[in-house]
Amino acid sequence: MPEEKPGIYKRIMGTVCHHCPICKYGRSHPESMVGKILHHKIHADHCPMWKAEKEVYENSGSED
């Protein structure tokens, strides 16, 4: 059974987060204040763009 790809709306939201300078900094510096906020359970579980970015880019192996 083929893996289901994210829809266009989810890919757009994931791309916005992936190229956002704040999110990019938080992903590359998880020990910083910004990184701690972005990786915090409240943000990670409830931000639709963060979740879409994880779904779209986690499996692609693309780092920009």
C-alpha atoms as a PDB file:
ATOM      1  CA  MET A   1       0.000   0.000   0.000  1.00  0.00           C
ATOM      2  CA  PRO A   2       1.594   3.321  -1.052  1.00  0.00           C
ATOM      3  CA  GLU A   3       2.260   5.981   1.553  1.00  0.00           C
ATOM      4  CA  GLU A   4      -0.255   8.828   1.517  1.00  0.00           C
ATOM      5  CA  LYS A   5       1.330  12.183   0.619  1.00  0.00           C
ATOM      6  CA  PRO A   6       0.371  15.390   2.443  1.00  0.00           C
ATOM      7  CA  GLY A   7      -2.165  17.553   0.640  1.00  0.00           C
ATOM      8  CA  ILE A   8      -1.392  20.892  -0.992  1.00  0.00           C
ATOM      9  CA  TYR A   9      -2.591  22.932   2.007  1.00  0.00           C
ATOM     10  CA  LYS A  10      -0.387  20.955   4.400  1.00  0.00           C
ATOM     11  CA  ARG A  11       2.610  21.254   2.034  1.00  0.00           C
ATOM     12  CA  ILE A  12       2.128  25.048   1.845  1.00  0.00           C
ATOM     13  CA  MET A  13       1.939  25.363   5.643  1.00  0.00           C
ATOM     14  CA  GLY A  14       4.984  23.126   6.046  1.00  0.00           C
ATOM     15  CA  THR A  15       6.954  25.163   3.516  1.00  0.00           C
ATOM     16  CA  VAL A  16       6.111  28.428   5.295  1.00  0.00           C
ATOM     17  CA  CYS A  17       7.415  27.007   8.583  1.00  0.00           C
ATOM     18  CA  HIS A  18      10.449  25.394   6.925  1.00  0.00           C
ATOM     19  CA  HIS A  19      11.603  28.720   5.449  1.00  0.00           C
ATOM     20  CA  CYS A  20      10.597  30.935   8.407  1.00  0.00           C
ATOM     21  CA  PRO A  21      13.784  32.477   9.871  1.00  0.00           C
ATOM     22  CA  ILE A  22      12.551  32.091  13.469  1.00  0.00           C
ATOM     23  CA  CYS A  23      11.567  28.450  13.018  1.00  0.00           C
ATOM     24  CA  LYS A  24      14.778  27.714  11.119  1.00  0.00           C
ATOM     25  CA  TYR A  25      16.830  29.196  13.962  1.00  0.00           C
ATOM     26  CA  GLY A  26      14.851  27.233  16.557  1.00  0.00           C
ATOM     27  CA  ARG A  27      15.388  23.956  14.696  1.00  0.00           C
ATOM     28  CA  SER A  28      19.135  24.526  14.314  1.00  0.00           C
ATOM     29  CA  HIS A  29      19.611  25.839  17.900  1.00  0.00           C
ATOM     30  CA  PRO A  30      17.259  23.765  20.102  1.00  0.00           C
ATOM     31  CA  GLU A  31      19.160  24.796  23.265  1.00  0.00           C
ATOM     32  CA  SER A  32      18.404  28.525  22.713  1.00  0.00           C
ATOM     33  CA  MET A  33      15.349  30.260  24.191  1.00  0.00           C
ATOM     34  CA  VAL A  34      13.661  30.299  20.771  1.00  0.00           C
ATOM     35  CA  GLY A  35      14.460  26.627  20.273  1.00  0.00           C
ATOM     36  CA  LYS A  36      13.107  25.693  23.691  1.00  0.00           C
ATOM     37  CA  ILE A  37       9.852  27.549  23.010  1.00  0.00           C
ATOM     38  CA  LEU A  38       9.399  26.005  19.562  1.00  0.00           C
ATOM     39  CA  HIS A  39      10.223  22.482  20.763  1.00  0.00           C
ATOM     40  CA  HIS A  40       8.051  22.816  23.873  1.00  0.00           C
ATOM     41  CA  LYS A  41       5.182  20.330  23.990  1.00  0.00           C
ATOM     42  CA  ILE A  42       2.498  23.055  23.906  1.00  0.00           C
ATOM     43  CA  HIS A  43       3.864  24.597  20.700  1.00  0.00           C
ATOM     44  CA  ALA A  44       4.918  21.342  19.047  1.00  0.00           C
ATOM     45  CA  ASP A  45       1.519  19.715  19.635  1.00  0.00           C
ATOM     46  CA  HIS A  46      -0.689  22.682  18.689  1.00  0.00           C
ATOM     47  CA  CYS A  47       1.028  24.671  15.919  1.00  0.00           C
ATOM     48  CA  PRO A  48      -0.418  23.467  12.601  1.00  0.00           C
ATOM     49  CA  MET A  49       2.520  24.820  10.591  1.00  0.00           C
ATOM     50  CA  TRP A  50       5.120  23.146  12.841  1.00  0.00           C
ATOM     51  CA  LYS A  51       3.279  19.817  12.579  1.00  0.00           C
ATOM     52  CA  ALA A  52       2.934  20.197   8.794  1.00  0.00           C
ATOM     53  CA  GLU A  53       6.663  20.964   8.474  1.00  0.00           C
ATOM     54  CA  LYS A  54       7.521  17.820  10.416  1.00  0.00           C
ATOM     55  CA  GLU A  55       5.225  15.715   8.245  1.00  0.00           C
ATOM     56  CA  VAL A  56       6.348  17.188   4.908  1.00  0.00           C
ATOM     57  CA  TYR A  57      10.114  17.490   5.503  1.00  0.00           C
ATOM     58  CA  GLU A  58      10.839  14.696   7.994  1.00  0.00           C
ATOM     59  CA  ASN A  59      10.513  11.966   5.370  1.00  0.00           C
ATOM     60  CA  SER A  60      11.976  13.903   2.445  1.00  0.00           C
ATOM     61  CA  GLY A  61      15.458  14.323   3.938  1.00  0.00           C
ATOM     62  CA  SER A  62      15.568  17.854   2.516  1.00  0.00           C
ATOM     63  CA  GLU A  63      17.376  20.421   4.615  1.00  0.00           C
ATOM     64  CA  ASP A  64      16.630  23.386   2.300  1.00  0.00           C
END
